[in-house]
Amino acid sequence: MAKQKKKMDLPQKTCEVCKRNFQWRKKWEKVWDDVKYCSDKCRKNRNQEILKSKATPQ
């Protein structure tokens, strides 16, 4: 039996909408490079975040 990875050793990303860190999940194993959002809620709200960032001058 292979050794399991500890939760602390799993890869992490930052959600593009809410800016929170989220960890790798087994269901994302094949598409981890394409994952941008931590949840369905953030994925659905991505357009609102884009509009908000365009309205705020940097």
PDB file of N, CA and C in Angstrom:
ATOM      1  N   MET A   1       0.839  -1.178   0.000  1.00  0.00           N
ATOM      2  CA  MET A   1       0.000   0.000   0.000  1.00  0.00           C
ATOM      3  C   MET A   1       0.885   1.242   0.000  1.00  0.00           C
ATOM      4  N   ALA A   2       0.592   2.195  -0.865  1.00  0.00           N
ATOM      5  CA  ALA A   2       1.392   3.414  -0.967  1.00  0.00           C
ATOM      6  C   ALA A   2       1.118   4.325   0.220  1.00  0.00           C
ATOM      7  N   LYS A   3       2.149   5.077   0.577  1.00  0.00           N
ATOM      8  CA  LYS A   3       1.978   6.029   1.682  1.00  0.00           C
ATOM      9  C   LYS A   3       1.077   7.170   1.230  1.00  0.00           C
ATOM     10  N   GLN A   4       0.203   7.579   2.114  1.00  0.00           N
ATOM     11  CA  GLN A   4      -0.673   8.701   1.811  1.00  0.00           C
ATOM     12  C   GLN A   4       0.059  10.007   2.068  1.00  0.00           C
ATOM     13  N   LYS A   5      -0.290  11.024   1.270  1.00  0.00           N
ATOM     14  CA  LYS A   5       0.273  12.351   1.504  1.00  0.00           C
ATOM     15  C   LYS A   5      -0.482  13.016   2.641  1.00  0.00           C
ATOM     16  N   LYS A   6       0.240  13.792   3.407  1.00  0.00           N
ATOM     17  CA  LYS A   6      -0.411  14.570   4.459  1.00  0.00           C
ATOM     18  C   LYS A   6      -1.091  15.764   3.819  1.00  0.00           C
ATOM     19  N   LYS A   7      -2.123  16.264   4.461  1.00  0.00           N
ATOM     20  CA  LYS A   7      -2.869  17.390   3.923  1.00  0.00           C
ATOM     21  C   LYS A   7      -1.979  18.611   3.707  1.00  0.00           C
ATOM     22  N   MET A   8      -1.015  18.774   4.562  1.00  0.00           N
ATOM     23  CA  MET A   8      -0.117  19.927   4.460  1.00  0.00           C
ATOM     24  C   MET A   8       0.785  19.839   3.226  1.00  0.00           C
ATOM     25  N   ASP A   9       0.966  18.636   2.686  1.00  0.00           N
ATOM     26  CA  ASP A   9       1.851  18.430   1.545  1.00  0.00           C
ATOM     27  C   ASP A   9       1.145  18.537   0.200  1.00  0.00           C
ATOM     28  N   LEU A  10      -0.173  18.701   0.204  1.00  0.00           N
ATOM     29  CA  LEU A  10      -0.916  18.798  -1.046  1.00  0.00           C
ATOM     30  C   LEU A  10      -0.709  20.162  -1.691  1.00  0.00           C
ATOM     31  N   PRO A  11      -0.735  20.232  -3.021  1.00  0.00           N
ATOM     32  CA  PRO A  11      -0.570  21.519  -3.708  1.00  0.00           C
ATOM     33  C   PRO A  11      -1.731  22.462  -3.392  1.00  0.00           C
ATOM     34  N   GLN A  12      -1.447  23.743  -3.452  1.00  0.00           N
ATOM     35  CA  GLN A  12      -2.467  24.763  -3.192  1.00  0.00           C
ATOM     36  C   GLN A  12      -2.501  25.768  -4.325  1.00  0.00           C
ATOM     37  N   LYS A  13      -3.646  26.424  -4.471  1.00  0.00           N
ATOM     38  CA  LYS A  13      -3.826  27.521  -5.419  1.00  0.00           C
ATOM     39  C   LYS A  13      -4.636  28.600  -4.730  1.00  0.00           C
ATOM     40  N   THR A  14      -4.657  29.783  -5.338  1.00  0.00           N
ATOM     41  CA  THR A  14      -5.474  30.878  -4.842  1.00  0.00           C
ATOM     42  C   THR A  14      -6.633  31.095  -5.806  1.00  0.00           C
ATOM     43  N   CYS A  15      -7.820  31.157  -5.272  1.00  0.00           N
ATOM     44  CA  CYS A  15      -9.025  31.357  -6.081  1.00  0.00           C
ATOM     45  C   CYS A  15      -8.971  32.736  -6.726  1.00  0.00           C
ATOM     46  N   GLU A  16      -9.306  32.826  -8.008  1.00  0.00           N
ATOM     47  CA  GLU A  16      -9.248  34.094  -8.730  1.00  0.00           C
ATOM     48  C   GLU A  16     -10.348  35.063  -8.318  1.00  0.00           C
ATOM     49  N   VAL A  17     -11.418  34.559  -7.714  1.00  0.00           N
ATOM     50  CA  VAL A  17     -12.544  35.413  -7.329  1.00  0.00           C
ATOM     51  C   VAL A  17     -12.439  35.871  -5.877  1.00  0.00           C
ATOM     52  N   CYS A  18     -12.354  34.916  -4.949  1.00  0.00           N
ATOM     53  CA  CYS A  18     -12.390  35.273  -3.524  1.00  0.00           C
ATOM     54  C   CYS A  18     -10.998  35.407  -2.909  1.00  0.00           C
ATOM     55  N   LYS A  19      -9.958  35.058  -3.651  1.00  0.00           N
ATOM     56  CA  LYS A  19      -8.552  35.182  -3.220  1.00  0.00           C
ATOM     57  C   LYS A  19      -8.201  34.290  -2.033  1.00  0.00           C
ATOM     58  N   ARG A  20      -8.992  33.263  -1.776  1.00  0.00           N
ATOM     59  CA  ARG A  20      -8.687  32.311  -0.704  1.00  0.00           C
ATOM     60  C   ARG A  20      -7.855  31.163  -1.264  1.00  0.00           C
ATOM     61  N   ASN A  21      -7.043  30.570  -0.403  1.00  0.00           N
ATOM     62  CA  ASN A  21      -6.267  29.404  -0.804  1.00  0.00           C
ATOM     63  C   ASN A  21      -7.166  28.180  -0.747  1.00  0.00           C
ATOM     64  N   PHE A  22      -6.974  27.276  -1.710  1.00  0.00           N
ATOM     65  CA  PHE A  22      -7.671  26.000  -1.671  1.00  0.00           C
ATOM     66  C   PHE A  22      -6.704  24.909  -2.074  1.00  0.00           C
ATOM     67  N   GLN A  23      -6.967  23.702  -1.580  1.00  0.00           N
ATOM     68  CA  GLN A  23      -6.047  22.588  -1.782  1.00  0.00           C
ATOM     69  C   GLN A  23      -6.533  21.646  -2.871  1.00  0.00           C
ATOM     70  N   TRP A  24      -5.579  20.885  -3.367  1.00  0.00           N
ATOM     71  CA  TRP A  24      -5.825  19.853  -4.368  1.00  0.00           C
ATOM     72  C   TRP A  24      -6.861  18.870  -3.861  1.00  0.00           C
ATOM     73  N   ARG A  25      -7.730  18.426  -4.764  1.00  0.00           N
ATOM     74  CA  ARG A  25      -8.719  17.400  -4.434  1.00  0.00           C
ATOM     75  C   ARG A  25      -8.597  16.257  -5.425  1.00  0.00           C
ATOM     76  N   LYS A  26      -8.934  15.095  -4.975  1.00  0.00           N
ATOM     77  CA  LYS A  26      -8.841  13.901  -5.815  1.00  0.00           C
ATOM     78  C   LYS A  26      -9.640  14.064  -7.115  1.00  0.00           C
ATOM     79  N   LYS A  27     -10.827  14.679  -7.030  1.00  0.00           N
ATOM     80  CA  LYS A  27     -11.659  14.834  -8.228  1.00  0.00           C
ATOM     81  C   LYS A  27     -11.046  15.797  -9.243  1.00  0.00           C
ATOM     82  N   TRP A  28     -10.067  16.608  -8.820  1.00  0.00           N
ATOM     83  CA  TRP A  28      -9.382  17.533  -9.729  1.00  0.00           C
ATOM     84  C   TRP A  28      -8.057  16.961 -10.237  1.00  0.00           C
ATOM     85  N   GLU A  29      -7.792  15.711  -9.948  1.00  0.00           N
ATOM     86  CA  GLU A  29      -6.503  15.095 -10.244  1.00  0.00           C
ATOM     87  C   GLU A  29      -6.085  15.274 -11.710  1.00  0.00           C
ATOM     88  N   LYS A  30      -6.986  15.058 -12.645  1.00  0.00           N
ATOM     89  CA  LYS A  30      -6.648  15.122 -14.067  1.00  0.00           C
ATOM     90  C   LYS A  30      -6.694  16.532 -14.642  1.00  0.00           C
ATOM     91  N   VAL A  31      -7.350  17.461 -13.959  1.00  0.00           N
ATOM     92  CA  VAL A  31      -7.520  18.811 -14.502  1.00  0.00           C
ATOM     93  C   VAL A  31      -6.958  19.896 -13.574  1.00  0.00           C
ATOM     94  N   TRP A  32      -6.065  19.527 -12.671  1.00  0.00           N
ATOM     95  CA  TRP A  32      -5.558  20.467 -11.672  1.00  0.00           C
ATOM     96  C   TRP A  32      -4.979  21.734 -12.309  1.00  0.00           C
ATOM     97  N   ASP A  33      -4.316  21.611 -13.439  1.00  0.00           N
ATOM     98  CA  ASP A  33      -3.730  22.784 -14.096  1.00  0.00           C
ATOM     99  C   ASP A  33      -4.789  23.761 -14.591  1.00  0.00           C
ATOM    100  N   ASP A  34      -5.995  23.273 -14.836  1.00  0.00           N
ATOM    101  CA  ASP A  34      -7.080  24.116 -15.348  1.00  0.00           C
ATOM    102  C   ASP A  34      -7.968  24.701 -14.252  1.00  0.00           C
ATOM    103  N   VAL A  35      -7.842  24.220 -13.035  1.00  0.00           N
ATOM    104  CA  VAL A  35      -8.706  24.671 -11.934  1.00  0.00           C
ATOM    105  C   VAL A  35      -8.313  26.098 -11.530  1.00  0.00           C
ATOM    106  N   LYS A  36      -9.320  26.993 -11.495  1.00  0.00           N
ATOM    107  CA  LYS A  36      -9.074  28.398 -11.152  1.00  0.00           C
ATOM    108  C   LYS A  36      -9.899  28.869  -9.956  1.00  0.00           C
ATOM    109  N   TYR A  37     -10.986  28.157  -9.675  1.00  0.00           N
ATOM    110  CA  TYR A  37     -11.938  28.601  -8.660  1.00  0.00           C
ATOM    111  C   TYR A  37     -12.095  27.543  -7.573  1.00  0.00           C
ATOM    112  N   CYS A  38     -12.290  27.988  -6.350  1.00  0.00           N
ATOM    113  CA  CYS A  38     -12.372  27.061  -5.216  1.00  0.00           C
ATOM    114  C   CYS A  38     -13.732  26.388  -5.093  1.00  0.00           C
ATOM    115  N   SER A  39     -14.761  26.955  -5.715  1.00  0.00           N
ATOM    116  CA  SER A  39     -16.103  26.396  -5.559  1.00  0.00           C
ATOM    117  C   SER A  39     -16.979  26.770  -6.753  1.00  0.00           C
ATOM    118  N   ASP A  40     -18.139  26.148  -6.832  1.00  0.00           N
ATOM    119  CA  ASP A  40     -19.096  26.495  -7.886  1.00  0.00           C
ATOM    120  C   ASP A  40     -19.589  27.924  -7.707  1.00  0.00           C
ATOM    121  N   LYS A  41     -19.725  28.356  -6.473  1.00  0.00           N
ATOM    122  CA  LYS A  41     -20.184  29.721  -6.202  1.00  0.00           C
ATOM    123  C   LYS A  41     -19.216  30.740  -6.804  1.00  0.00           C
ATOM    124  N   CYS A  42     -17.926  30.539  -6.602  1.00  0.00           N
ATOM    125  CA  CYS A  42     -16.932  31.456  -7.163  1.00  0.00           C
ATOM    126  C   CYS A  42     -16.912  31.375  -8.688  1.00  0.00           C
ATOM    127  N   ARG A  43     -17.056  30.180  -9.221  1.00  0.00           N
ATOM    128  CA  ARG A  43     -17.068  30.011 -10.673  1.00  0.00           C
ATOM    129  C   ARG A  43     -18.246  30.759 -11.287  1.00  0.00           C
ATOM    130  N   LYS A  44     -19.400  30.716 -10.621  1.00  0.00           N
ATOM    131  CA  LYS A  44     -20.583  31.416 -11.122  1.00  0.00           C
ATOM    132  C   LYS A  44     -20.466  32.928 -10.968  1.00  0.00           C
ATOM    133  N   ASN A  45     -19.709  33.379  -9.985  1.00  0.00           N
ATOM    134  CA  ASN A  45     -19.555  34.819  -9.729  1.00  0.00           C
ATOM    135  C   ASN A  45     -18.334  35.420 -10.410  1.00  0.00           C
ATOM    136  N   ARG A  46     -17.647  34.686 -11.266  1.00  0.00           N
ATOM    137  CA  ARG A  46     -16.418  35.173 -11.884  1.00  0.00           C
ATOM    138  C   ARG A  46     -16.644  36.417 -12.735  1.00  0.00           C
ATOM    139  N   ASN A  47     -17.775  36.519 -13.412  1.00  0.00           N
ATOM    140  CA  ASN A  47     -18.047  37.683 -14.253  1.00  0.00           C
ATOM    141  C   ASN A  47     -18.227  38.941 -13.416  1.00  0.00           C
ATOM    142  N   GLN A  48     -18.819  38.816 -12.258  1.00  0.00           N
ATOM    143  CA  GLN A  48     -18.986  39.972 -11.375  1.00  0.00           C
ATOM    144  C   GLN A  48     -17.632  40.470 -10.895  1.00  0.00           C
ATOM    145  N   GLU A  49     -16.703  39.568 -10.637  1.00  0.00           N
ATOM    146  CA  GLU A  49     -15.357  39.947 -10.194  1.00  0.00           C
ATOM    147  C   GLU A  49     -14.614  40.672 -11.315  1.00  0.00           C
ATOM    148  N   ILE A  50     -14.772  40.234 -12.542  1.00  0.00           N
ATOM    149  CA  ILE A  50     -14.124  40.879 -13.683  1.00  0.00           C
ATOM    150  C   ILE A  50     -14.653  42.293 -13.848  1.00  0.00           C
ATOM    151  N   LEU A  51     -15.969  42.466 -13.740  1.00  0.00           N
ATOM    152  CA  LEU A  51     -16.560  43.799 -13.866  1.00  0.00           C
ATOM    153  C   LEU A  51     -16.100  44.712 -12.732  1.00  0.00           C
ATOM    154  N   LYS A  52     -15.993  44.163 -11.527  1.00  0.00           N
ATOM    155  CA  LYS A  52     -15.560  44.950 -10.370  1.00  0.00           C
ATOM    156  C   LYS A  52     -14.115  45.416 -10.547  1.00  0.00           C
ATOM    157  N   SER A  53     -13.262  44.554 -11.058  1.00  0.00           N
ATOM    158  CA  SER A  53     -11.848  44.919 -11.228  1.00  0.00           C
ATOM    159  C   SER A  53     -11.661  45.947 -12.340  1.00  0.00           C
ATOM    160  N   LYS A  54     -12.522  45.935 -13.360  1.00  0.00           N
ATOM    161  CA  LYS A  54     -12.424  46.921 -14.432  1.00  0.00           C
ATOM    162  C   LYS A  54     -12.905  48.293 -13.962  1.00  0.00           C
ATOM    163  N   ALA A  55     -13.871  48.315 -13.051  1.00  0.00           N
ATOM    164  CA  ALA A  55     -14.425  49.570 -12.545  1.00  0.00           C
ATOM    165  C   ALA A  55     -13.481  50.281 -11.597  1.00  0.00           C
ATOM    166  N   THR A  56     -12.600  49.529 -10.946  1.00  0.00           N
ATOM    167  CA  THR A  56     -11.668  50.098  -9.981  1.00  0.00           C
ATOM    168  C   THR A  56     -10.329  50.405 -10.678  1.00  0.00           C
ATOM    169  N   PRO A  57      -9.963  51.683 -10.808  1.00  0.00           N
ATOM    170  CA  PRO A  57      -8.677  51.997 -11.436  1.00  0.00           C
ATOM    171  C   PRO A  57      -7.511  51.609 -10.527  1.00  0.00           C
ATOM    172  N   GLN A  58      -6.446  51.112 -11.137  1.00  0.00           N
ATOM    173  CA  GLN A  58      -5.296  50.700 -10.338  1.00  0.00           C
ATOM    174  C   GLN A  58      -4.117  51.565 -10.595  1.00  0.00           C
TER     175      GLN A  58
END
